[in-house]
Amino acid sequence: MDVRLSPGAKKYIEKHAIQCLVLTLVELETGCTLGVAKDVEVRFEYPHKPAQFLWGKTDGVEVFVDRRLKVTGTVVIKKQGIGRLSCLFADGVGVPI
């Protein structure tokens, strides 16, 4: 699995002293006829069951990707937002239908 960090993500990770990124599948109840909405969540703690994740390392940061997610190429971690409202997201992974 090929993983990269954007320049903005590198700055965010250095500022917050992050050593581990976990991309996990999240299923949210919508309360309507759709039933469940699926999304990718970025977390910063090591997974409890690492065998359920694909593993990669880039720029000194360990990256774990939930095996339920569809990796569609190079996984690129990017920063979005400004200041206190910023967060990380991942390109190159998709949610299963």
PDB file of N, CA and C in Angstrom:
ATOM      1  N   MET A   1       0.845  -1.171   0.000  1.00  0.00           N
ATOM      2  CA  MET A   1       0.000   0.000   0.000  1.00  0.00           C
ATOM      3  C   MET A   1       0.893   1.237   0.000  1.00  0.00           C
ATOM      4  N   ASP A   2       0.650   2.110  -0.964  1.00  0.00           N
ATOM      5  CA  ASP A   2       1.423   3.337  -1.100  1.00  0.00           C
ATOM      6  C   ASP A   2       0.690   4.470  -0.378  1.00  0.00           C
ATOM      7  N   VAL A   3       1.379   5.146   0.536  1.00  0.00           N
ATOM      8  CA  VAL A   3       0.783   6.222   1.321  1.00  0.00           C
ATOM      9  C   VAL A   3       1.664   7.464   1.211  1.00  0.00           C
ATOM     10  N   ARG A   4       1.019   8.629   1.048  1.00  0.00           N
ATOM     11  CA  ARG A   4       1.741   9.901   1.009  1.00  0.00           C
ATOM     12  C   ARG A   4       1.026  10.920   1.887  1.00  0.00           C
ATOM     13  N   LEU A   5       1.772  11.945   2.300  1.00  0.00           N
ATOM     14  CA  LEU A   5       1.216  13.054   3.057  1.00  0.00           C
ATOM     15  C   LEU A   5       1.363  14.327   2.234  1.00  0.00           C
ATOM     16  N   SER A   6       0.308  15.132   2.181  1.00  0.00           N
ATOM     17  CA  SER A   6       0.406  16.428   1.524  1.00  0.00           C
ATOM     18  C   SER A   6       1.220  17.363   2.420  1.00  0.00           C
ATOM     19  N   PRO A   7       1.751  18.455   1.866  1.00  0.00           N
ATOM     20  CA  PRO A   7       2.495  19.403   2.707  1.00  0.00           C
ATOM     21  C   PRO A   7       1.669  19.936   3.883  1.00  0.00           C
ATOM     22  N   GLY A   8       0.395  20.218   3.648  1.00  0.00           N
ATOM     23  CA  GLY A   8      -0.470  20.697   4.731  1.00  0.00           C
ATOM     24  C   GLY A   8      -0.661  19.653   5.812  1.00  0.00           C
ATOM     25  N   ALA A   9      -0.801  18.385   5.407  1.00  0.00           N
ATOM     26  CA  ALA A   9      -0.951  17.299   6.375  1.00  0.00           C
ATOM     27  C   ALA A   9       0.327  17.125   7.193  1.00  0.00           C
ATOM     28  N   LYS A  10       1.479  17.270   6.548  1.00  0.00           N
ATOM     29  CA  LYS A  10       2.757  17.154   7.276  1.00  0.00           C
ATOM     30  C   LYS A  10       2.840  18.207   8.375  1.00  0.00           C
ATOM     31  N   LYS A  11       2.470  19.448   8.053  1.00  0.00           N
ATOM     32  CA  LYS A  11       2.507  20.524   9.048  1.00  0.00           C
ATOM     33  C   LYS A  11       1.541  20.236  10.195  1.00  0.00           C
ATOM     34  N   TYR A  12       0.340  19.767   9.864  1.00  0.00           N
ATOM     35  CA  TYR A  12      -0.668  19.439  10.871  1.00  0.00           C
ATOM     36  C   TYR A  12      -0.148  18.337  11.794  1.00  0.00           C
ATOM     37  N   ILE A  13       0.436  17.301  11.215  1.00  0.00           N
ATOM     38  CA  ILE A  13       0.949  16.163  11.988  1.00  0.00           C
ATOM     39  C   ILE A  13       2.098  16.587  12.890  1.00  0.00           C
ATOM     40  N   GLU A  14       3.005  17.419  12.375  1.00  0.00           N
ATOM     41  CA  GLU A  14       4.115  17.915  13.193  1.00  0.00           C
ATOM     42  C   GLU A  14       3.610  18.791  14.332  1.00  0.00           C
ATOM     43  N   LYS A  15       2.649  19.676  14.048  1.00  0.00           N
ATOM     44  CA  LYS A  15       2.114  20.585  15.060  1.00  0.00           C
ATOM     45  C   LYS A  15       1.453  19.820  16.208  1.00  0.00           C
ATOM     46  N   HIS A  16       0.748  18.731  15.878  1.00  0.00           N
ATOM     47  CA  HIS A  16       0.022  17.961  16.890  1.00  0.00           C
ATOM     48  C   HIS A  16       0.793  16.734  17.379  1.00  0.00           C
ATOM     49  N   ALA A  17       2.036  16.567  16.939  1.00  0.00           N
ATOM     50  CA  ALA A  17       2.895  15.445  17.354  1.00  0.00           C
ATOM     51  C   ALA A  17       2.205  14.097  17.167  1.00  0.00           C
ATOM     52  N   ILE A  18       1.625  13.893  15.986  1.00  0.00           N
ATOM     53  CA  ILE A  18       0.907  12.654  15.676  1.00  0.00           C
ATOM     54  C   ILE A  18       1.895  11.617  15.153  1.00  0.00           C
ATOM     55  N   GLN A  19       1.824  10.394  15.669  1.00  0.00           N
ATOM     56  CA  GLN A  19       2.707   9.312  15.240  1.00  0.00           C
ATOM     57  C   GLN A  19       1.973   8.219  14.482  1.00  0.00           C
ATOM     58  N   CYS A  20       0.645   8.226  14.571  1.00  0.00           N
ATOM     59  CA  CYS A  20      -0.151   7.146  13.990  1.00  0.00           C
ATOM     60  C   CYS A  20      -1.447   7.712  13.426  1.00  0.00           C
ATOM     61  N   LEU A  21      -1.801   7.287  12.210  1.00  0.00           N
ATOM     62  CA  LEU A  21      -3.076   7.639  11.600  1.00  0.00           C
ATOM     63  C   LEU A  21      -3.845   6.356  11.335  1.00  0.00           C
ATOM     64  N   VAL A  22      -5.119   6.342  11.702  1.00  0.00           N
ATOM     65  CA  VAL A  22      -5.964   5.182  11.469  1.00  0.00           C
ATOM     66  C   VAL A  22      -7.155   5.637  10.633  1.00  0.00           C
ATOM     67  N   LEU A  23      -7.298   5.070   9.443  1.00  0.00           N
ATOM     68  CA  LEU A  23      -8.438   5.354   8.581  1.00  0.00           C
ATOM     69  C   LEU A  23      -9.426   4.216   8.765  1.00  0.00           C
ATOM     70  N   THR A  24     -10.574   4.534   9.308  1.00  0.00           N
ATOM     71  CA  THR A  24     -11.537   3.498   9.636  1.00  0.00           C
ATOM     72  C   THR A  24     -12.901   3.793   9.010  1.00  0.00           C
ATOM     73  N   LEU A  25     -13.648   2.736   8.758  1.00  0.00           N
ATOM     74  CA  LEU A  25     -14.999   2.851   8.223  1.00  0.00           C
ATOM     75  C   LEU A  25     -15.957   3.162   9.366  1.00  0.00           C
ATOM     76  N   VAL A  26     -16.765   4.206   9.168  1.00  0.00           N
ATOM     77  CA  VAL A  26     -17.755   4.597  10.164  1.00  0.00           C
ATOM     78  C   VAL A  26     -19.125   4.490   9.525  1.00  0.00           C
ATOM     79  N   GLU A  27     -20.058   3.849  10.224  1.00  0.00           N
ATOM     80  CA  GLU A  27     -21.434   3.730   9.751  1.00  0.00           C
ATOM     81  C   GLU A  27     -22.325   4.535  10.693  1.00  0.00           C
ATOM     82  N   LEU A  28     -23.023   5.522  10.138  1.00  0.00           N
ATOM     83  CA  LEU A  28     -23.866   6.414  10.931  1.00  0.00           C
ATOM     84  C   LEU A  28     -25.327   6.177  10.611  1.00  0.00           C
ATOM     85  N   GLU A  29     -26.148   6.021  11.639  1.00  0.00           N
ATOM     86  CA  GLU A  29     -27.593   5.883  11.447  1.00  0.00           C
ATOM     87  C   GLU A  29     -28.147   7.226  10.975  1.00  0.00           C
ATOM     88  N   THR A  30     -28.942   7.208   9.891  1.00  0.00           N
ATOM     89  CA  THR A  30     -29.476   8.457   9.350  1.00  0.00           C
ATOM     90  C   THR A  30     -30.857   8.786   9.889  1.00  0.00           C
ATOM     91  N   GLY A  31     -31.563   7.819  10.377  1.00  0.00           N
ATOM     92  CA  GLY A  31     -32.897   8.061  10.902  1.00  0.00           C
ATOM     93  C   GLY A  31     -33.942   8.251   9.818  1.00  0.00           C
ATOM     94  N   CYS A  32     -33.602   7.895   8.597  1.00  0.00           N
ATOM     95  CA  CYS A  32     -34.582   7.998   7.508  1.00  0.00           C
ATOM     96  C   CYS A  32     -34.518   6.718   6.677  1.00  0.00           C
ATOM     97  N   THR A  33     -35.110   6.728   5.512  1.00  0.00           N
ATOM     98  CA  THR A  33     -35.195   5.513   4.698  1.00  0.00           C
ATOM     99  C   THR A  33     -33.846   5.051   4.168  1.00  0.00           C
ATOM    100  N   LEU A  34     -32.837   5.917   4.162  1.00  0.00           N
ATOM    101  CA  LEU A  34     -31.509   5.494   3.717  1.00  0.00           C
ATOM    102  C   LEU A  34     -30.904   4.459   4.651  1.00  0.00           C
ATOM    103  N   GLY A  35     -31.204   4.560   5.931  1.00  0.00           N
ATOM    104  CA  GLY A  35     -30.701   3.596   6.898  1.00  0.00           C
ATOM    105  C   GLY A  35     -29.357   3.982   7.466  1.00  0.00           C
ATOM    106  N   VAL A  36     -28.272   3.760   6.698  1.00  0.00           N
ATOM    107  CA  VAL A  36     -26.928   3.978   7.207  1.00  0.00           C
ATOM    108  C   VAL A  36     -26.114   4.777   6.195  1.00  0.00           C
ATOM    109  N   ALA A  37     -25.400   5.782   6.696  1.00  0.00           N
ATOM    110  CA  ALA A  37     -24.450   6.525   5.870  1.00  0.00           C
ATOM    111  C   ALA A  37     -23.050   6.045   6.243  1.00  0.00           C
ATOM    112  N   LYS A  38     -22.212   5.814   5.261  1.00  0.00           N
ATOM    113  CA  LYS A  38     -20.854   5.323   5.504  1.00  0.00           C
ATOM    114  C   LYS A  38     -19.852   6.413   5.145  1.00  0.00           C
ATOM    115  N   ASP A  39     -18.781   6.500   5.961  1.00  0.00           N
ATOM    116  CA  ASP A  39     -17.755   7.508   5.725  1.00  0.00           C
ATOM    117  C   ASP A  39     -16.423   6.994   6.256  1.00  0.00           C
ATOM    118  N   VAL A  40     -15.361   7.702   5.919  1.00  0.00           N
ATOM    119  CA  VAL A  40     -14.021   7.381   6.396  1.00  0.00           C
ATOM    120  C   VAL A  40     -13.671   8.367   7.503  1.00  0.00           C
ATOM    121  N   GLU A  41     -13.246   7.847   8.640  1.00  0.00           N
ATOM    122  CA  GLU A  41     -12.838   8.685   9.763  1.00  0.00           C
ATOM    123  C   GLU A  41     -11.341   8.531   9.985  1.00  0.00           C
ATOM    124  N   VAL A  42     -10.667   9.646  10.259  1.00  0.00           N
ATOM    125  CA  VAL A  42      -9.236   9.628  10.560  1.00  0.00           C
ATOM    126  C   VAL A  42      -9.080   9.766  12.071  1.00  0.00           C
ATOM    127  N   ARG A  43      -8.416   8.788  12.660  1.00  0.00           N
ATOM    128  CA  ARG A  43      -8.161   8.784  14.104  1.00  0.00           C
ATOM    129  C   ARG A  43      -6.657   8.789  14.333  1.00  0.00           C
ATOM    130  N   PHE A  44      -6.249   9.048  15.586  1.00  0.00           N
ATOM    131  CA  PHE A  44      -4.826   9.194  15.880  1.00  0.00           C
ATOM    132  C   PHE A  44      -4.300   8.215  16.923  1.00  0.00           C
ATOM    133  N   GLU A  45      -5.079   7.209  17.298  1.00  0.00           N
ATOM    134  CA  GLU A  45      -4.608   6.221  18.262  1.00  0.00           C
ATOM    135  C   GLU A  45      -4.415   4.877  17.550  1.00  0.00           C
ATOM    136  N   TYR A  46      -3.489   4.081  18.048  1.00  0.00           N
ATOM    137  CA  TYR A  46      -3.231   2.775  17.444  1.00  0.00           C
ATOM    138  C   TYR A  46      -4.481   1.905  17.529  1.00  0.00           C
ATOM    139  N   PRO A  47      -4.747   1.103  16.498  1.00  0.00           N
ATOM    140  CA  PRO A  47      -5.944   0.244  16.522  1.00  0.00           C
ATOM    141  C   PRO A  47      -5.793  -0.887  17.542  1.00  0.00           C
ATOM    142  N   HIS A  48      -6.938  -1.305  18.109  1.00  0.00           N
ATOM    143  CA  HIS A  48      -6.937  -2.391  19.088  1.00  0.00           C
ATOM    144  C   HIS A  48      -6.663  -3.738  18.431  1.00  0.00           C
ATOM    145  N   LYS A  49      -7.093  -3.892  17.177  1.00  0.00           N
ATOM    146  CA  LYS A  49      -6.886  -5.132  16.436  1.00  0.00           C
ATOM    147  C   LYS A  49      -6.168  -4.814  15.126  1.00  0.00           C
ATOM    148  N   PRO A  50      -4.833  -4.672  15.147  1.00  0.00           N
ATOM    149  CA  PRO A  50      -4.087  -4.270  13.958  1.00  0.00           C
ATOM    150  C   PRO A  50      -4.223  -5.235  12.777  1.00  0.00           C
ATOM    151  N   ALA A  51      -4.574  -6.487  13.017  1.00  0.00           N
ATOM    152  CA  ALA A  51      -4.718  -7.460  11.934  1.00  0.00           C
ATOM    153  C   ALA A  51      -5.888  -7.106  11.013  1.00  0.00           C
ATOM    154  N   GLN A  52      -6.806  -6.269  11.475  1.00  0.00           N
ATOM    155  CA  GLN A  52      -7.952  -5.871  10.667  1.00  0.00           C
ATOM    156  C   GLN A  52      -7.642  -4.661   9.772  1.00  0.00           C
ATOM    157  N   PHE A  53      -6.366  -4.262   9.731  1.00  0.00           N
ATOM    158  CA  PHE A  53      -5.968  -3.082   8.983  1.00  0.00           C
ATOM    159  C   PHE A  53      -4.801  -3.383   8.054  1.00  0.00           C
ATOM    160  N   LEU A  54      -4.751  -2.665   6.944  1.00  0.00           N
ATOM    161  CA  LEU A  54      -3.567  -2.637   6.093  1.00  0.00           C
ATOM    162  C   LEU A  54      -2.609  -1.648   6.740  1.00  0.00           C
ATOM    163  N   TRP A  55      -1.307  -1.853   6.574  1.00  0.00           N
ATOM    164  CA  TRP A  55      -0.336  -1.009   7.248  1.00  0.00           C
ATOM    165  C   TRP A  55       0.617  -0.381   6.248  1.00  0.00           C
ATOM    166  N   GLY A  56       0.969   0.861   6.486  1.00  0.00           N
ATOM    167  CA  GLY A  56       1.968   1.551   5.693  1.00  0.00           C
ATOM    168  C   GLY A  56       2.665   2.576   6.564  1.00  0.00           C
ATOM    169  N   LYS A  57       3.792   3.071   6.088  1.00  0.00           N
ATOM    170  CA  LYS A  57       4.521   4.091   6.841  1.00  0.00           C
ATOM    171  C   LYS A  57       5.053   5.123   5.860  1.00  0.00           C
ATOM    172  N   THR A  58       4.905   6.395   6.229  1.00  0.00           N
ATOM    173  CA  THR A  58       5.400   7.478   5.401  1.00  0.00           C
ATOM    174  C   THR A  58       5.843   8.623   6.290  1.00  0.00           C
ATOM    175  N   ASP A  59       6.982   9.181   5.997  1.00  0.00           N
ATOM    176  CA  ASP A  59       7.514  10.328   6.748  1.00  0.00           C
ATOM    177  C   ASP A  59       7.490  10.110   8.255  1.00  0.00           C
ATOM    178  N   GLY A  60       7.770   8.886   8.690  1.00  0.00           N
ATOM    179  CA  GLY A  60       7.824   8.574  10.114  1.00  0.00           C
ATOM    180  C   GLY A  60       6.475   8.369  10.787  1.00  0.00           C
ATOM    181  N   VAL A  61       5.405   8.384  10.004  1.00  0.00           N
ATOM    182  CA  VAL A  61       4.058   8.214  10.553  1.00  0.00           C
ATOM    183  C   VAL A  61       3.503   6.866  10.103  1.00  0.00           C
ATOM    184  N   GLU A  62       3.015   6.064  11.052  1.00  0.00           N
ATOM    185  CA  GLU A  62       2.381   4.798  10.707  1.00  0.00           C
ATOM    186  C   GLU A  62       0.950   5.065  10.278  1.00  0.00           C
ATOM    187  N   VAL A  63       0.516   4.423   9.192  1.00  0.00           N
ATOM    188  CA  VAL A  63      -0.841   4.599   8.684  1.00  0.00           C
ATOM    189  C   VAL A  63      -1.512   3.236   8.613  1.00  0.00           C
ATOM    190  N   PHE A  64      -2.665   3.111   9.271  1.00  0.00           N
ATOM    191  CA  PHE A  64      -3.452   1.892   9.264  1.00  0.00           C
ATOM    192  C   PHE A  64      -4.751   2.177   8.506  1.00  0.00           C
ATOM    193  N   VAL A  65      -5.080   1.317   7.535  1.00  0.00           N
ATOM    194  CA  VAL A  65      -6.298   1.485   6.740  1.00  0.00           C
ATOM    195  C   VAL A  65      -7.189   0.271   6.970  1.00  0.00           C
ATOM    196  N   ASP A  66      -8.403   0.525   7.407  1.00  0.00           N
ATOM    197  CA  ASP A  66      -9.402  -0.510   7.652  1.00  0.00           C
ATOM    198  C   ASP A  66      -9.553  -1.381   6.402  1.00  0.00           C
ATOM    199  N   ARG A  67      -9.473  -2.693   6.560  1.00  0.00           N
ATOM    200  CA  ARG A  67      -9.575  -3.618   5.421  1.00  0.00           C
ATOM    201  C   ARG A  67     -10.944  -3.564   4.748  1.00  0.00           C
ATOM    202  N   ARG A  68     -11.963  -3.032   5.435  1.00  0.00           N
ATOM    203  CA  ARG A  68     -13.293  -2.916   4.834  1.00  0.00           C
ATOM    204  C   ARG A  68     -13.355  -1.773   3.813  1.00  0.00           C
ATOM    205  N   LEU A  69     -12.391  -0.857   3.860  1.00  0.00           N
ATOM    206  CA  LEU A  69     -12.351   0.251   2.915  1.00  0.00           C
ATOM    207  C   LEU A  69     -11.724  -0.210   1.609  1.00  0.00           C
ATOM    208  N   LYS A  70     -12.115   0.411   0.524  1.00  0.00           N
ATOM    209  CA  LYS A  70     -11.586   0.070  -0.790  1.00  0.00           C
ATOM    210  C   LYS A  70     -10.450   1.033  -1.127  1.00  0.00           C
ATOM    211  N   VAL A  71      -9.228   0.507  -1.203  1.00  0.00           N
ATOM    212  CA  VAL A  71      -8.080   1.321  -1.577  1.00  0.00           C
ATOM    213  C   VAL A  71      -8.045   1.394  -3.101  1.00  0.00           C
ATOM    214  N   THR A  72      -8.160   2.608  -3.637  1.00  0.00           N
ATOM    215  CA  THR A  72      -8.282   2.788  -5.085  1.00  0.00           C
ATOM    216  C   THR A  72      -7.005   3.284  -5.744  1.00  0.00           C
ATOM    217  N   GLY A  73      -5.916   3.283  -5.037  1.00  0.00           N
ATOM    218  CA  GLY A  73      -4.637   3.752  -5.568  1.00  0.00           C
ATOM    219  C   GLY A  73      -3.766   4.211  -4.421  1.00  0.00           C
ATOM    220  N   THR A  74      -2.974   5.234  -4.681  1.00  0.00           N
ATOM    221  CA  THR A  74      -2.155   5.802  -3.624  1.00  0.00           C
ATOM    222  C   THR A  74      -3.056   6.502  -2.617  1.00  0.00           C
ATOM    223  N   VAL A  75      -2.861   6.208  -1.348  1.00  0.00           N
ATOM    224  CA  VAL A  75      -3.617   6.871  -0.290  1.00  0.00           C
ATOM    225  C   VAL A  75      -2.875   8.159   0.057  1.00  0.00           C
ATOM    226  N   VAL A  76      -3.557   9.288  -0.118  1.00  0.00           N
ATOM    227  CA  VAL A  76      -2.962  10.590   0.160  1.00  0.00           C
ATOM    228  C   VAL A  76      -3.717  11.233   1.316  1.00  0.00           C
ATOM    229  N   ILE A  77      -3.001  11.504   2.390  1.00  0.00           N
ATOM    230  CA  ILE A  77      -3.582  12.169   3.545  1.00  0.00           C
ATOM    231  C   ILE A  77      -3.433  13.670   3.328  1.00  0.00           C
ATOM    232  N   LYS A  78      -4.558  14.393   3.440  1.00  0.00           N
ATOM    233  CA  LYS A  78      -4.566  15.838   3.203  1.00  0.00           C
ATOM    234  C   LYS A  78      -5.209  16.555   4.380  1.00  0.00           C
ATOM    235  N   LYS A  79      -4.906  17.852   4.477  1.00  0.00           N
ATOM    236  CA  LYS A  79      -5.505  18.708   5.504  1.00  0.00           C
ATOM    237  C   LYS A  79      -6.605  19.542   4.857  1.00  0.00           C
ATOM    238  N   GLN A  80      -7.679  19.728   5.591  1.00  0.00           N
ATOM    239  CA  GLN A  80      -8.745  20.616   5.131  1.00  0.00           C
ATOM    240  C   GLN A  80      -9.151  21.540   6.272  1.00  0.00           C
ATOM    241  N   GLY A  81      -9.662  22.700   5.942  1.00  0.00           N
ATOM    242  CA  GLY A  81     -10.094  23.653   6.952  1.00  0.00           C
ATOM    243  C   GLY A  81      -8.990  24.620   7.328  1.00  0.00           C
ATOM    244  N   ILE A  82      -9.346  25.547   8.219  1.00  0.00           N
ATOM    245  CA  ILE A  82      -8.430  26.607   8.626  1.00  0.00           C
ATOM    246  C   ILE A  82      -8.356  26.661  10.148  1.00  0.00           C
ATOM    247  N   GLY A  83      -7.144  26.818  10.654  1.00  0.00           N
ATOM    248  CA  GLY A  83      -6.929  27.006  12.089  1.00  0.00           C
ATOM    249  C   GLY A  83      -7.504  25.899  12.939  1.00  0.00           C
ATOM    250  N   ARG A  84      -8.293  26.294  13.936  1.00  0.00           N
ATOM    251  CA  ARG A  84      -8.857  25.330  14.883  1.00  0.00           C
ATOM    252  C   ARG A  84      -9.902  24.421  14.240  1.00  0.00           C
ATOM    253  N   LEU A  85     -10.399  24.799  13.082  1.00  0.00           N
ATOM    254  CA  LEU A  85     -11.418  24.008  12.394  1.00  0.00           C
ATOM    255  C   LEU A  85     -10.816  23.036  11.380  1.00  0.00           C
ATOM    256  N   SER A  86      -9.499  22.906  11.358  1.00  0.00           N
ATOM    257  CA  SER A  86      -8.866  22.016  10.383  1.00  0.00           C
ATOM    258  C   SER A  86      -8.857  20.569  10.878  1.00  0.00           C
ATOM    259  N   CYS A  87      -8.763  19.656   9.911  1.00  0.00           N
ATOM    260  CA  CYS A  87      -8.713  18.228  10.203  1.00  0.00           C
ATOM    261  C   CYS A  87      -8.050  17.524   9.010  1.00  0.00           C
ATOM    262  N   LEU A  88      -7.840  16.245   9.147  1.00  0.00           N
ATOM    263  CA  LEU A  88      -7.242  15.452   8.077  1.00  0.00           C
ATOM    264  C   LEU A  88      -8.310  14.596   7.401  1.00  0.00           C
ATOM    265  N   PHE A  89      -8.110  14.332   6.110  1.00  0.00           N
ATOM    266  CA  PHE A  89      -8.962  13.407   5.374  1.00  0.00           C
ATOM    267  C   PHE A  89      -8.081  12.622   4.421  1.00  0.00           C
ATOM    268  N   ALA A  90      -8.644  11.575   3.830  1.00  0.00           N
ATOM    269  CA  ALA A  90      -7.871  10.689   2.969  1.00  0.00           C
ATOM    270  C   ALA A  90      -8.471  10.623   1.564  1.00  0.00           C
ATOM    271  N   ASP A  91      -7.607  10.775   0.568  1.00  0.00           N
ATOM    272  CA  ASP A  91      -7.956  10.511  -0.826  1.00  0.00           C
ATOM    273  C   ASP A  91      -7.387   9.139  -1.168  1.00  0.00           C
ATOM    274  N   GLY A  92      -8.053   8.433  -2.045  1.00  0.00           N
ATOM    275  CA  GLY A  92      -7.561   7.128  -2.480  1.00  0.00           C
ATOM    276  C   GLY A  92      -8.179   5.967  -1.741  1.00  0.00           C
ATOM    277  N   VAL A  93      -9.161   6.250  -0.900  1.00  0.00           N
ATOM    278  CA  VAL A  93      -9.922   5.173  -0.252  1.00  0.00           C
ATOM    279  C   VAL A  93     -11.402   5.454  -0.452  1.00  0.00           C
ATOM    280  N   GLY A  94     -12.169   4.387  -0.572  1.00  0.00           N
ATOM    281  CA  GLY A  94     -13.606   4.517  -0.760  1.00  0.00           C
ATOM    282  C   GLY A  94     -14.350   3.624   0.195  1.00  0.00           C
ATOM    283  N   VAL A  95     -15.615   3.937   0.392  1.00  0.00           N
ATOM    284  CA  VAL A  95     -16.446   3.128   1.279  1.00  0.00           C
ATOM    285  C   VAL A  95     -17.161   2.059   0.455  1.00  0.00           C
ATOM    286  N   PRO A  96     -17.381   0.874   1.031  1.00  0.00           N
ATOM    287  CA  PRO A  96     -18.111  -0.171   0.309  1.00  0.00           C
ATOM    288  C   PRO A  96     -19.586   0.198   0.199  1.00  0.00           C
ATOM    289  N   ILE A  97     -20.208  -0.265  -0.846  1.00  0.00           N
ATOM    290  CA  ILE A  97     -21.650   0.018  -1.051  1.00  0.00           C
ATOM    291  C   ILE A  97     -22.468  -1.018  -0.322  1.00  0.00           C
TER     292      ILE A  97
END
